[in-house]
């Protein structure tokens, strides 16, 4: 897959009106070409199918795309990694961590958790690493650890979830307290009794936002 050709595809039909709206929505942190999700993914859909046949992650391509000033190229990296998740290894975590730490915002973080979570189902070393990440000084790294088991359902490692969340009690960071609530809310769809018990035991140590989010689907 050629980076210049990919970049050219984005340039051909960029929408400056949408680009400005999207930039404003993201608090003017990133430039945009002006593509919404479906149109963006259509640009490289066939390329990702070809990449999957190669069964090897092109980290040089991903690094160049991540360094692009336009946010759609970071979204491309996230979509690429999700598509290629079967070919990731535990040894790739430092590369994923690098993307988490660069141009950090909720949109890319909440996509990068998907390949990490998938990898965690294949390699139990990932869970141990996420436990370390849950104590990191960078809150985006901690958010990744909190959210990496989203949508696990019956495959949820509840002890790992509990420890990661407990490591982030008493945080004043919005994105951490929101993530705690989301992680518990998601699992409440599968095991509401476990989440109720967790809230009953730890609610005095949890932020109101976390409790509110976690309780959304629970019966009174």
N, C-alpha and C. Protein backbone atom coordinates (compact mmCIF):
# COMPACT_ATOMS: atom_id res chain seq x y z
N UNK A 1 0.85 -1.20 0.00
CA UNK A 1 0.00 0.00 0.00
C UNK A 1 0.89 1.24 0.00
N UNK A 2 0.59 2.15 -0.89
CA UNK A 2 1.44 3.32 -1.09
C UNK A 2 0.84 4.54 -0.37
N UNK A 3 1.65 5.15 0.49
CA UNK A 3 1.17 6.28 1.29
C UNK A 3 0.82 7.48 0.42
N UNK A 4 1.65 7.79 -0.58
CA UNK A 4 1.37 8.96 -1.43
C UNK A 4 0.06 8.80 -2.19
N UNK A 5 -0.21 7.58 -2.66
CA UNK A 5 -1.46 7.34 -3.37
C UNK A 5 -2.66 7.47 -2.43
N UNK A 6 -2.50 6.99 -1.22
CA UNK A 6 -3.56 7.13 -0.23
C UNK A 6 -3.84 8.60 0.05
N UNK A 7 -2.79 9.35 0.26
CA UNK A 7 -2.92 10.78 0.52
C UNK A 7 -3.60 11.49 -0.65
N UNK A 8 -3.25 11.11 -1.86
CA UNK A 8 -3.84 11.72 -3.05
C UNK A 8 -5.33 11.45 -3.14
N UNK A 9 -5.75 10.26 -2.75
CA UNK A 9 -7.17 9.92 -2.77
C UNK A 9 -7.96 10.85 -1.85
N UNK A 10 -7.39 11.16 -0.71
CA UNK A 10 -8.06 12.07 0.22
C UNK A 10 -8.11 13.49 -0.33
N UNK A 11 -7.08 13.88 -1.05
CA UNK A 11 -7.03 15.24 -1.60
C UNK A 11 -8.06 15.45 -2.70
N UNK A 12 -8.39 14.41 -3.44
CA UNK A 12 -9.22 14.55 -4.64
C UNK A 12 -10.61 15.08 -4.36
N UNK A 13 -11.23 14.64 -3.29
CA UNK A 13 -12.62 15.04 -3.03
C UNK A 13 -12.80 15.66 -1.64
N UNK A 14 -11.79 16.37 -1.18
CA UNK A 14 -11.89 16.98 0.14
C UNK A 14 -12.99 18.04 0.15
N UNK A 15 -13.59 18.20 1.32
CA UNK A 15 -14.72 19.11 1.48
C UNK A 15 -14.35 20.13 2.55
N UNK A 16 -14.02 21.33 2.13
CA UNK A 16 -13.52 22.33 3.06
C UNK A 16 -14.58 22.80 4.06
N UNK A 17 -15.83 22.79 3.65
CA UNK A 17 -16.90 23.21 4.57
C UNK A 17 -17.02 22.20 5.71
N UNK A 18 -17.09 20.92 5.33
CA UNK A 18 -17.15 19.87 6.36
C UNK A 18 -15.88 19.83 7.18
N UNK A 19 -14.75 20.09 6.53
CA UNK A 19 -13.47 20.05 7.23
C UNK A 19 -13.43 21.07 8.36
N UNK A 20 -13.94 22.25 8.10
CA UNK A 20 -13.95 23.30 9.13
C UNK A 20 -14.90 22.94 10.27
N UNK A 21 -16.04 22.34 9.92
CA UNK A 21 -16.99 21.93 10.95
C UNK A 21 -16.39 20.84 11.84
N UNK A 22 -15.70 19.90 11.20
CA UNK A 22 -15.11 18.80 11.95
C UNK A 22 -13.97 19.30 12.83
N UNK A 23 -13.20 20.22 12.31
CA UNK A 23 -12.11 20.79 13.09
C UNK A 23 -12.65 21.52 14.32
N UNK A 24 -13.71 22.26 14.15
CA UNK A 24 -14.32 22.98 15.27
C UNK A 24 -14.85 22.00 16.31
N UNK A 25 -15.48 20.91 15.85
CA UNK A 25 -16.02 19.90 16.76
C UNK A 25 -14.92 19.28 17.62
N UNK A 26 -13.73 19.14 17.03
CA UNK A 26 -12.60 18.56 17.75
C UNK A 26 -11.74 19.64 18.41
N UNK A 27 -12.38 20.76 18.72
CA UNK A 27 -11.76 21.86 19.47
C UNK A 27 -10.52 22.42 18.76
N UNK A 28 -10.55 22.39 17.43
CA UNK A 28 -9.49 22.97 16.61
C UNK A 28 -8.11 22.35 16.87
N UNK A 29 -8.12 21.10 17.30
CA UNK A 29 -6.85 20.42 17.57
C UNK A 29 -6.24 19.78 16.33
N UNK A 30 -7.08 19.46 15.33
CA UNK A 30 -6.62 18.73 14.17
C UNK A 30 -7.18 19.32 12.88
N UNK A 31 -6.43 19.18 11.81
CA UNK A 31 -6.94 19.52 10.48
C UNK A 31 -7.73 18.34 9.94
N UNK A 32 -8.63 18.61 9.00
CA UNK A 32 -9.45 17.57 8.38
C UNK A 32 -9.52 17.80 6.87
N UNK A 33 -9.71 16.69 6.16
CA UNK A 33 -10.02 16.79 4.73
C UNK A 33 -11.52 17.00 4.53
N UNK A 34 -12.31 16.61 5.53
CA UNK A 34 -13.76 16.80 5.45
C UNK A 34 -14.53 15.57 5.07
N UNK A 35 -14.05 14.38 5.45
CA UNK A 35 -14.75 13.13 5.13
C UNK A 35 -15.42 12.57 6.38
N UNK A 36 -16.70 12.23 6.24
CA UNK A 36 -17.36 11.51 7.31
C UNK A 36 -16.97 10.03 7.22
N UNK A 37 -17.33 9.28 8.22
CA UNK A 37 -16.82 7.91 8.40
C UNK A 37 -17.00 7.01 7.18
N UNK A 38 -18.21 6.91 6.67
CA UNK A 38 -18.48 5.99 5.56
C UNK A 38 -17.68 6.35 4.31
N UNK A 39 -17.65 7.63 3.98
CA UNK A 39 -16.90 8.07 2.80
C UNK A 39 -15.40 7.86 2.99
N UNK A 40 -14.93 8.09 4.20
CA UNK A 40 -13.51 7.89 4.48
C UNK A 40 -13.12 6.43 4.31
N UNK A 41 -13.91 5.55 4.86
CA UNK A 41 -13.59 4.12 4.79
C UNK A 41 -13.67 3.58 3.37
N UNK A 42 -14.55 4.17 2.58
CA UNK A 42 -14.66 3.74 1.19
C UNK A 42 -13.38 4.01 0.42
N UNK A 43 -12.66 5.05 0.78
CA UNK A 43 -11.42 5.41 0.09
C UNK A 43 -10.40 4.29 0.14
N UNK A 44 -10.30 3.63 1.29
CA UNK A 44 -9.24 2.62 1.44
C UNK A 44 -9.77 1.20 1.70
N UNK A 45 -11.05 0.99 1.43
CA UNK A 45 -11.63 -0.33 1.67
C UNK A 45 -10.90 -1.43 0.90
N UNK A 46 -10.73 -1.23 -0.38
CA UNK A 46 -10.05 -2.25 -1.20
C UNK A 46 -8.59 -2.41 -0.80
N UNK A 47 -7.96 -1.32 -0.41
CA UNK A 47 -6.56 -1.40 0.02
C UNK A 47 -6.42 -2.26 1.27
N UNK A 48 -7.35 -2.13 2.20
CA UNK A 48 -7.28 -2.94 3.42
C UNK A 48 -7.51 -4.42 3.12
N UNK A 49 -8.38 -4.70 2.17
CA UNK A 49 -8.58 -6.10 1.77
C UNK A 49 -7.28 -6.69 1.21
N UNK A 50 -6.56 -5.89 0.43
CA UNK A 50 -5.28 -6.34 -0.12
C UNK A 50 -4.24 -6.52 0.97
N UNK A 51 -4.24 -5.61 1.95
CA UNK A 51 -3.29 -5.71 3.05
C UNK A 51 -3.51 -6.97 3.88
N UNK A 52 -4.76 -7.33 4.09
CA UNK A 52 -5.07 -8.52 4.89
C UNK A 52 -4.53 -9.78 4.24
N UNK A 53 -4.47 -9.79 2.93
CA UNK A 53 -3.92 -10.95 2.22
C UNK A 53 -2.42 -11.08 2.44
N UNK A 54 -1.77 -9.96 2.72
CA UNK A 54 -0.32 -9.98 2.96
C UNK A 54 0.00 -10.54 4.35
N UNK A 55 -0.95 -10.41 5.29
CA UNK A 55 -0.81 -10.94 6.64
C UNK A 55 0.38 -10.37 7.39
N UNK A 56 0.70 -9.12 7.10
CA UNK A 56 1.83 -8.47 7.77
C UNK A 56 1.55 -6.98 7.92
N UNK A 57 1.73 -6.47 9.11
CA UNK A 57 1.46 -5.07 9.38
C UNK A 57 2.58 -4.19 8.83
N UNK A 58 2.21 -3.17 8.06
CA UNK A 58 3.17 -2.24 7.48
C UNK A 58 3.32 -1.06 8.44
N UNK A 59 4.24 -1.18 9.39
CA UNK A 59 4.40 -0.15 10.41
C UNK A 59 4.95 1.16 9.84
N UNK A 60 5.74 1.08 8.80
CA UNK A 60 6.25 2.30 8.17
C UNK A 60 5.11 3.12 7.57
N UNK A 61 4.19 2.45 6.92
CA UNK A 61 3.02 3.11 6.37
C UNK A 61 2.20 3.77 7.49
N UNK A 62 2.00 3.04 8.56
CA UNK A 62 1.20 3.56 9.67
C UNK A 62 1.86 4.76 10.33
N UNK A 63 3.17 4.72 10.46
CA UNK A 63 3.89 5.84 11.07
C UNK A 63 3.75 7.09 10.21
N UNK A 64 3.87 6.94 8.90
CA UNK A 64 3.74 8.09 8.00
C UNK A 64 2.31 8.66 8.06
N UNK A 65 1.34 7.78 8.09
CA UNK A 65 -0.05 8.23 8.14
C UNK A 65 -0.34 8.93 9.46
N UNK A 66 0.20 8.39 10.54
CA UNK A 66 -0.06 9.01 11.85
C UNK A 66 0.57 10.40 11.94
N UNK A 67 1.66 10.59 11.25
CA UNK A 67 2.34 11.89 11.28
C UNK A 67 1.67 12.93 10.39
N UNK A 68 0.71 12.51 9.57
CA UNK A 68 -0.01 13.45 8.72
C UNK A 68 -0.79 14.42 9.58
N UNK A 69 -0.92 15.65 9.13
CA UNK A 69 -1.62 16.67 9.92
C UNK A 69 -3.13 16.52 9.89
N UNK A 70 -3.66 15.69 8.97
CA UNK A 70 -5.10 15.54 8.84
C UNK A 70 -5.59 14.35 9.66
N UNK A 71 -6.65 14.56 10.40
CA UNK A 71 -7.14 13.56 11.34
C UNK A 71 -7.61 12.29 10.64
N UNK A 72 -8.11 12.41 9.42
CA UNK A 72 -8.57 11.22 8.72
C UNK A 72 -7.46 10.18 8.55
N UNK A 73 -6.22 10.63 8.51
CA UNK A 73 -5.12 9.68 8.35
C UNK A 73 -4.85 8.93 9.64
N UNK A 74 -5.09 9.56 10.80
CA UNK A 74 -5.02 8.81 12.05
C UNK A 74 -6.19 7.82 12.14
N UNK A 75 -7.35 8.21 11.63
CA UNK A 75 -8.47 7.27 11.61
C UNK A 75 -8.15 6.08 10.70
N UNK A 76 -7.47 6.35 9.61
CA UNK A 76 -7.06 5.26 8.72
C UNK A 76 -6.18 4.27 9.48
N UNK A 77 -5.23 4.78 10.26
CA UNK A 77 -4.34 3.90 11.03
C UNK A 77 -5.16 3.02 11.97
N UNK A 78 -6.12 3.62 12.64
CA UNK A 78 -6.97 2.86 13.55
C UNK A 78 -7.75 1.78 12.80
N UNK A 79 -8.34 2.13 11.66
CA UNK A 79 -9.09 1.16 10.88
C UNK A 79 -8.17 0.06 10.35
N UNK A 80 -6.97 0.43 9.96
CA UNK A 80 -5.99 -0.55 9.48
C UNK A 80 -5.67 -1.55 10.59
N UNK A 81 -5.39 -1.06 11.78
CA UNK A 81 -5.03 -1.94 12.89
C UNK A 81 -6.19 -2.84 13.30
N UNK A 82 -7.40 -2.34 13.22
CA UNK A 82 -8.57 -3.17 13.51
C UNK A 82 -8.70 -4.27 12.46
N UNK A 83 -8.51 -3.90 11.20
CA UNK A 83 -8.60 -4.88 10.12
C UNK A 83 -7.50 -5.93 10.21
N UNK A 84 -6.34 -5.53 10.70
CA UNK A 84 -5.17 -6.41 10.74
C UNK A 84 -4.92 -6.98 12.13
N UNK A 85 -5.90 -6.95 12.99
CA UNK A 85 -5.70 -7.33 14.39
C UNK A 85 -5.19 -8.76 14.56
N UNK A 86 -5.55 -9.63 13.65
CA UNK A 86 -5.12 -11.03 13.76
C UNK A 86 -3.61 -11.19 13.62
N UNK A 87 -2.98 -10.19 13.04
CA UNK A 87 -1.55 -10.29 12.76
C UNK A 87 -0.70 -9.49 13.75
N UNK A 88 -1.34 -8.95 14.79
CA UNK A 88 -0.60 -8.23 15.81
C UNK A 88 -0.04 -9.20 16.84
N UNK A 89 1.08 -8.82 17.45
CA UNK A 89 1.73 -9.62 18.47
C UNK A 89 1.91 -8.79 19.74
N UNK A 90 2.12 -9.48 20.84
CA UNK A 90 2.35 -8.79 22.10
C UNK A 90 3.50 -7.79 21.98
N UNK A 91 4.50 -8.15 21.20
CA UNK A 91 5.67 -7.28 21.02
C UNK A 91 5.34 -5.99 20.28
N UNK A 92 4.13 -5.90 19.71
CA UNK A 92 3.71 -4.68 19.01
C UNK A 92 3.11 -3.64 19.95
N UNK A 93 2.88 -3.99 21.20
CA UNK A 93 2.26 -3.05 22.13
C UNK A 93 3.00 -1.72 22.24
N UNK A 94 4.33 -1.71 22.27
CA UNK A 94 5.01 -0.40 22.32
C UNK A 94 4.68 0.50 21.12
N UNK A 95 4.48 -0.11 19.96
CA UNK A 95 4.11 0.69 18.78
C UNK A 95 2.71 1.25 18.95
N UNK A 96 1.80 0.46 19.48
CA UNK A 96 0.44 0.95 19.73
C UNK A 96 0.45 2.03 20.81
N UNK A 97 1.27 1.84 21.80
CA UNK A 97 1.40 2.85 22.85
C UNK A 97 1.89 4.17 22.28
N UNK A 98 2.80 4.09 21.32
CA UNK A 98 3.31 5.30 20.67
C UNK A 98 2.17 6.08 20.01
N UNK A 99 1.26 5.38 19.33
CA UNK A 99 0.13 6.05 18.70
C UNK A 99 -0.81 6.65 19.75
N UNK A 100 -0.98 5.96 20.86
CA UNK A 100 -1.83 6.47 21.93
C UNK A 100 -1.30 7.80 22.47
N UNK A 101 0.01 7.88 22.57
CA UNK A 101 0.64 9.05 23.19
C UNK A 101 0.81 10.23 22.23
N UNK A 102 0.66 9.99 20.94
CA UNK A 102 0.82 11.05 19.95
C UNK A 102 -0.55 11.48 19.40
N UNK A 103 -0.81 12.77 19.40
CA UNK A 103 -2.08 13.32 18.90
C UNK A 103 -3.25 12.70 19.65
N UNK A 104 -3.12 12.63 20.96
CA UNK A 104 -4.09 11.93 21.80
C UNK A 104 -5.42 12.68 21.91
N UNK A 105 -6.48 11.96 21.69
CA UNK A 105 -7.82 12.45 21.98
C UNK A 105 -8.74 11.25 22.04
N UNK A 106 -9.95 11.43 22.53
CA UNK A 106 -10.82 10.28 22.78
C UNK A 106 -11.12 9.48 21.53
N UNK A 107 -11.16 10.14 20.36
CA UNK A 107 -11.58 9.45 19.14
C UNK A 107 -10.61 8.34 18.74
N UNK A 108 -9.32 8.64 18.75
CA UNK A 108 -8.35 7.60 18.39
C UNK A 108 -8.16 6.59 19.52
N UNK A 109 -8.19 7.07 20.77
CA UNK A 109 -8.03 6.16 21.90
C UNK A 109 -9.11 5.09 21.88
N UNK A 110 -10.35 5.51 21.64
CA UNK A 110 -11.46 4.58 21.70
C UNK A 110 -11.52 3.65 20.50
N UNK A 111 -10.68 3.89 19.50
CA UNK A 111 -10.52 2.93 18.40
C UNK A 111 -9.34 2.00 18.65
N UNK A 112 -8.27 2.53 19.19
CA UNK A 112 -7.08 1.71 19.42
C UNK A 112 -7.29 0.65 20.48
N UNK A 113 -8.29 0.83 21.34
CA UNK A 113 -8.57 -0.22 22.33
C UNK A 113 -9.02 -1.51 21.67
N UNK A 114 -9.56 -1.43 20.46
CA UNK A 114 -10.13 -2.62 19.82
C UNK A 114 -9.07 -3.65 19.44
N UNK A 115 -8.01 -3.27 18.72
CA UNK A 115 -6.98 -4.27 18.45
C UNK A 115 -6.25 -4.73 19.71
N UNK A 116 -6.11 -3.83 20.68
CA UNK A 116 -5.46 -4.22 21.94
C UNK A 116 -6.32 -5.23 22.67
N UNK A 117 -7.61 -4.98 22.72
CA UNK A 117 -8.51 -5.91 23.38
C UNK A 117 -8.52 -7.27 22.71
N UNK A 118 -8.50 -7.29 21.39
CA UNK A 118 -8.46 -8.55 20.65
C UNK A 118 -7.17 -9.31 20.97
N UNK A 119 -6.08 -8.59 20.99
CA UNK A 119 -4.79 -9.20 21.30
C UNK A 119 -4.80 -9.78 22.71
N UNK A 120 -5.49 -9.12 23.62
CA UNK A 120 -5.57 -9.60 24.98
C UNK A 120 -6.28 -10.93 25.12
N UNK A 121 -7.18 -11.23 24.20
CA UNK A 121 -7.87 -12.51 24.22
C UNK A 121 -6.96 -13.65 23.74
N UNK A 122 -5.93 -13.31 23.01
CA UNK A 122 -4.99 -14.31 22.50
C UNK A 122 -3.78 -14.50 23.40
N UNK A 123 -3.42 -13.47 24.15
CA UNK A 123 -2.17 -13.49 24.90
C UNK A 123 -2.41 -12.88 26.29
N UNK A 124 -2.32 -13.70 27.33
CA UNK A 124 -2.62 -13.20 28.67
C UNK A 124 -1.58 -12.21 29.20
N UNK A 125 -0.46 -12.06 28.50
CA UNK A 125 0.51 -11.05 28.90
C UNK A 125 -0.04 -9.64 28.71
N UNK A 126 -1.00 -9.50 27.80
CA UNK A 126 -1.60 -8.19 27.55
C UNK A 126 -2.33 -7.69 28.79
N UNK A 127 -3.06 -8.58 29.45
CA UNK A 127 -3.77 -8.19 30.66
C UNK A 127 -2.83 -7.69 31.73
N UNK A 128 -1.71 -8.36 31.89
CA UNK A 128 -0.72 -7.93 32.88
C UNK A 128 -0.15 -6.56 32.51
N UNK A 129 0.03 -6.33 31.21
CA UNK A 129 0.53 -5.04 30.75
C UNK A 129 -0.51 -3.95 30.96
N UNK A 130 -1.77 -4.29 30.73
CA UNK A 130 -2.84 -3.30 30.94
C UNK A 130 -2.93 -2.92 32.42
N UNK A 131 -2.64 -3.86 33.30
CA UNK A 131 -2.63 -3.55 34.72
C UNK A 131 -1.55 -2.52 35.03
N UNK A 132 -0.40 -2.64 34.37
CA UNK A 132 0.66 -1.64 34.51
C UNK A 132 0.22 -0.31 33.91
N UNK A 133 -0.41 -0.38 32.73
CA UNK A 133 -0.86 0.85 32.08
C UNK A 133 -1.89 1.58 32.95
N UNK A 134 -2.65 0.84 33.73
CA UNK A 134 -3.70 1.46 34.54
C UNK A 134 -3.13 2.36 35.64
N UNK A 135 -1.83 2.27 35.85
CA UNK A 135 -1.16 3.12 36.86
C UNK A 135 -0.24 4.16 36.21
N UNK A 136 -0.31 4.27 34.90
CA UNK A 136 0.59 5.16 34.17
C UNK A 136 0.31 6.63 34.50
N UNK A 137 1.33 7.46 34.35
CA UNK A 137 1.16 8.89 34.61
C UNK A 137 0.32 9.58 33.53
N UNK A 138 0.23 8.98 32.35
CA UNK A 138 -0.54 9.56 31.25
C UNK A 138 -1.97 9.02 31.30
N UNK A 139 -2.96 9.92 31.38
CA UNK A 139 -4.33 9.43 31.57
C UNK A 139 -4.90 8.77 30.32
N UNK A 140 -4.36 9.07 29.14
CA UNK A 140 -4.84 8.37 27.94
C UNK A 140 -4.40 6.91 27.96
N UNK A 141 -3.23 6.64 28.49
CA UNK A 141 -2.77 5.26 28.66
C UNK A 141 -3.68 4.55 29.67
N UNK A 142 -4.00 5.24 30.74
CA UNK A 142 -4.89 4.65 31.75
C UNK A 142 -6.28 4.41 31.17
N UNK A 143 -6.77 5.35 30.36
CA UNK A 143 -8.09 5.17 29.74
C UNK A 143 -8.09 3.94 28.83
N UNK A 144 -7.01 3.74 28.10
CA UNK A 144 -6.89 2.57 27.24
C UNK A 144 -7.01 1.29 28.06
N UNK A 145 -6.31 1.26 29.19
CA UNK A 145 -6.36 0.08 30.06
C UNK A 145 -7.79 -0.16 30.56
N UNK A 146 -8.46 0.90 30.98
CA UNK A 146 -9.82 0.77 31.51
C UNK A 146 -10.78 0.24 30.45
N UNK A 147 -10.63 0.70 29.23
CA UNK A 147 -11.60 0.39 28.18
C UNK A 147 -11.25 -0.83 27.33
N UNK A 148 -10.06 -1.40 27.49
CA UNK A 148 -9.62 -2.39 26.50
C UNK A 148 -10.45 -3.66 26.49
N UNK A 149 -11.26 -3.90 27.54
CA UNK A 149 -12.11 -5.09 27.54
C UNK A 149 -13.56 -4.79 27.13
N UNK A 150 -13.83 -3.63 26.60
CA UNK A 150 -15.18 -3.31 26.14
C UNK A 150 -15.68 -4.37 25.16
N UNK A 151 -16.95 -4.73 25.29
CA UNK A 151 -17.63 -5.69 24.42
C UNK A 151 -17.14 -7.13 24.62
N UNK A 152 -16.43 -7.39 25.69
CA UNK A 152 -15.96 -8.75 25.97
C UNK A 152 -17.10 -9.70 26.34
N UNK A 153 -18.14 -9.18 26.94
CA UNK A 153 -19.29 -9.98 27.39
C UNK A 153 -18.82 -11.11 28.31
N UNK A 154 -19.13 -12.37 27.95
CA UNK A 154 -18.81 -13.50 28.82
C UNK A 154 -17.30 -13.74 28.94
N UNK A 155 -16.52 -13.14 28.07
CA UNK A 155 -15.07 -13.33 28.10
C UNK A 155 -14.37 -12.30 28.99
N UNK A 156 -15.13 -11.47 29.66
CA UNK A 156 -14.57 -10.45 30.53
C UNK A 156 -13.75 -11.07 31.66
N UNK A 157 -12.55 -10.55 31.85
CA UNK A 157 -11.73 -10.89 33.01
C UNK A 157 -12.14 -9.91 34.11
N UNK A 158 -13.06 -10.33 34.97
CA UNK A 158 -13.63 -9.42 35.96
C UNK A 158 -12.60 -8.99 37.00
N UNK A 159 -11.70 -9.87 37.36
CA UNK A 159 -10.69 -9.49 38.35
C UNK A 159 -9.77 -8.42 37.78
N UNK A 160 -9.41 -8.56 36.52
CA UNK A 160 -8.59 -7.55 35.86
C UNK A 160 -9.33 -6.23 35.77
N UNK A 161 -10.60 -6.28 35.39
CA UNK A 161 -11.42 -5.06 35.30
C UNK A 161 -11.48 -4.37 36.65
N UNK A 162 -11.72 -5.15 37.70
CA UNK A 162 -11.82 -4.59 39.05
C UNK A 162 -10.52 -3.89 39.45
N UNK A 163 -9.40 -4.55 39.24
CA UNK A 163 -8.12 -3.98 39.67
C UNK A 163 -7.77 -2.72 38.89
N UNK A 164 -8.04 -2.74 37.59
CA UNK A 164 -7.75 -1.57 36.76
C UNK A 164 -8.59 -0.37 37.20
N UNK A 165 -9.87 -0.61 37.45
CA UNK A 165 -10.74 0.48 37.89
C UNK A 165 -10.31 0.99 39.26
N UNK A 166 -10.03 0.08 40.18
CA UNK A 166 -9.60 0.50 41.53
C UNK A 166 -8.33 1.34 41.47
N UNK A 167 -7.45 1.04 40.52
CA UNK A 167 -6.22 1.82 40.37
C UNK A 167 -6.50 3.25 39.92
N UNK A 168 -7.73 3.50 39.49
CA UNK A 168 -8.08 4.84 39.00
C UNK A 168 -9.14 5.54 39.82
N UNK A 169 -9.39 5.01 41.02
CA UNK A 169 -10.28 5.71 41.94
C UNK A 169 -9.65 7.04 42.35
N UNK A 170 -10.53 7.97 42.71
CA UNK A 170 -10.11 9.29 43.20
C UNK A 170 -9.46 10.15 42.11
N UNK A 171 -9.72 9.81 40.86
CA UNK A 171 -9.22 10.64 39.77
C UNK A 171 -10.17 11.81 39.56
N UNK A 172 -9.61 12.95 39.22
CA UNK A 172 -10.42 14.12 38.89
C UNK A 172 -10.48 14.33 37.37
N UNK A 173 -9.90 13.40 36.62
CA UNK A 173 -9.88 13.52 35.17
C UNK A 173 -11.19 13.02 34.57
N UNK A 174 -11.86 13.89 33.82
CA UNK A 174 -13.15 13.54 33.20
C UNK A 174 -13.06 12.28 32.36
N UNK A 175 -12.03 12.18 31.51
CA UNK A 175 -11.93 11.06 30.59
C UNK A 175 -11.66 9.73 31.29
N UNK A 176 -11.14 9.78 32.49
CA UNK A 176 -10.95 8.56 33.28
C UNK A 176 -12.26 8.16 33.94
N UNK A 177 -12.91 9.10 34.58
CA UNK A 177 -14.16 8.78 35.27
C UNK A 177 -15.25 8.36 34.30
N UNK A 178 -15.25 8.95 33.12
CA UNK A 178 -16.21 8.55 32.08
C UNK A 178 -15.91 7.13 31.62
N UNK A 179 -14.64 6.81 31.43
CA UNK A 179 -14.25 5.48 30.96
C UNK A 179 -14.61 4.41 31.98
N UNK A 180 -14.42 4.69 33.26
CA UNK A 180 -14.81 3.74 34.29
C UNK A 180 -16.30 3.43 34.20
N UNK A 181 -17.09 4.48 34.05
CA UNK A 181 -18.53 4.29 33.92
C UNK A 181 -18.91 3.49 32.69
N UNK A 182 -18.26 3.79 31.57
CA UNK A 182 -18.55 3.08 30.32
C UNK A 182 -18.20 1.60 30.43
N UNK A 183 -17.04 1.30 31.02
CA UNK A 183 -16.61 -0.09 31.14
C UNK A 183 -17.60 -0.89 31.98
N UNK A 184 -18.06 -0.30 33.08
CA UNK A 184 -19.02 -0.98 33.93
C UNK A 184 -20.40 -1.06 33.27
N UNK A 185 -20.79 0.02 32.61
CA UNK A 185 -22.09 0.02 31.92
C UNK A 185 -22.13 -1.05 30.84
N UNK A 186 -21.06 -1.17 30.08
CA UNK A 186 -21.01 -2.17 29.02
C UNK A 186 -21.14 -3.58 29.60
N UNK A 187 -20.42 -3.84 30.67
CA UNK A 187 -20.46 -5.18 31.25
C UNK A 187 -21.79 -5.44 31.97
N UNK A 188 -22.48 -4.40 32.38
CA UNK A 188 -23.77 -4.59 33.04
C UNK A 188 -24.80 -5.23 32.13
N UNK A 189 -24.60 -5.10 30.82
CA UNK A 189 -25.51 -5.73 29.86
C UNK A 189 -25.37 -7.25 29.90
N UNK A 190 -24.19 -7.72 30.31
CA UNK A 190 -23.92 -9.15 30.38
C UNK A 190 -24.09 -9.70 31.79
N UNK A 191 -23.60 -8.95 32.77
CA UNK A 191 -23.61 -9.42 34.15
C UNK A 191 -23.99 -8.28 35.09
N UNK A 192 -25.27 -7.92 35.10
CA UNK A 192 -25.70 -6.79 35.95
C UNK A 192 -25.46 -7.04 37.43
N UNK A 193 -25.56 -8.29 37.86
CA UNK A 193 -25.36 -8.59 39.28
C UNK A 193 -23.94 -8.24 39.72
N UNK A 194 -22.96 -8.54 38.86
CA UNK A 194 -21.56 -8.25 39.20
C UNK A 194 -21.35 -6.74 39.31
N UNK A 195 -21.92 -6.00 38.38
CA UNK A 195 -21.75 -4.54 38.39
C UNK A 195 -22.45 -3.94 39.61
N UNK A 196 -23.64 -4.43 39.93
CA UNK A 196 -24.35 -3.94 41.13
C UNK A 196 -23.51 -4.18 42.38
N UNK A 197 -22.93 -5.37 42.47
CA UNK A 197 -22.11 -5.69 43.62
C UNK A 197 -20.88 -4.79 43.70
N UNK A 198 -20.28 -4.54 42.53
CA UNK A 198 -19.11 -3.66 42.48
C UNK A 198 -19.48 -2.26 42.96
N UNK A 199 -20.58 -1.74 42.45
CA UNK A 199 -21.01 -0.40 42.84
C UNK A 199 -21.35 -0.34 44.33
N UNK A 200 -21.98 -1.39 44.83
CA UNK A 200 -22.32 -1.42 46.23
C UNK A 200 -21.10 -1.40 47.13
N UNK A 201 -20.03 -2.05 46.67
CA UNK A 201 -18.82 -2.13 47.48
C UNK A 201 -17.95 -0.88 47.37
N UNK A 202 -17.93 -0.26 46.19
CA UNK A 202 -16.94 0.79 45.95
C UNK A 202 -17.52 2.18 45.66
N UNK A 203 -18.85 2.34 45.74
CA UNK A 203 -19.43 3.61 45.31
C UNK A 203 -18.91 4.81 46.09
N UNK A 204 -18.50 4.60 47.33
CA UNK A 204 -17.99 5.72 48.12
C UNK A 204 -16.63 6.20 47.64
N UNK A 205 -15.97 5.39 46.81
CA UNK A 205 -14.66 5.77 46.28
C UNK A 205 -14.73 6.21 44.82
N UNK A 206 -15.94 6.16 44.26
CA UNK A 206 -16.11 6.44 42.83
C UNK A 206 -16.65 7.84 42.59
N UNK A 207 -16.29 8.41 41.46
CA UNK A 207 -16.81 9.72 41.06
C UNK A 207 -18.29 9.60 40.70
N UNK A 208 -19.08 10.62 40.96
CA UNK A 208 -20.51 10.58 40.59
C UNK A 208 -20.72 10.27 39.10
N UNK A 209 -19.85 10.80 38.24
CA UNK A 209 -19.98 10.54 36.80
C UNK A 209 -19.84 9.05 36.51
N UNK A 210 -18.89 8.39 37.14
CA UNK A 210 -18.69 6.95 36.93
C UNK A 210 -19.91 6.16 37.36
N UNK A 211 -20.46 6.52 38.52
CA UNK A 211 -21.64 5.82 39.03
C UNK A 211 -22.84 6.02 38.12
N UNK A 212 -23.01 7.26 37.66
CA UNK A 212 -24.13 7.57 36.76
C UNK A 212 -24.05 6.75 35.48
N UNK A 213 -22.88 6.72 34.86
CA UNK A 213 -22.71 5.97 33.61
C UNK A 213 -22.88 4.48 33.85
N UNK A 214 -22.30 3.98 34.93
CA UNK A 214 -22.34 2.54 35.21
C UNK A 214 -23.76 2.05 35.48
N UNK A 215 -24.60 2.92 36.02
CA UNK A 215 -25.94 2.53 36.46
C UNK A 215 -27.01 2.65 35.38
N UNK A 216 -26.63 3.10 34.22
CA UNK A 216 -27.62 3.45 33.18
C UNK A 216 -28.56 2.31 32.86
N UNK A 217 -28.08 1.08 32.78
CA UNK A 217 -28.92 -0.05 32.39
C UNK A 217 -29.28 -0.95 33.57
N UNK A 218 -29.00 -0.52 34.77
CA UNK A 218 -29.31 -1.31 35.94
C UNK A 218 -30.69 -0.96 36.49
N UNK A 219 -31.40 -1.95 37.01
CA UNK A 219 -32.68 -1.69 37.65
C UNK A 219 -32.44 -1.00 38.97
N UNK A 220 -33.38 -0.19 39.36
CA UNK A 220 -33.28 0.48 40.66
C UNK A 220 -33.39 -0.53 41.80
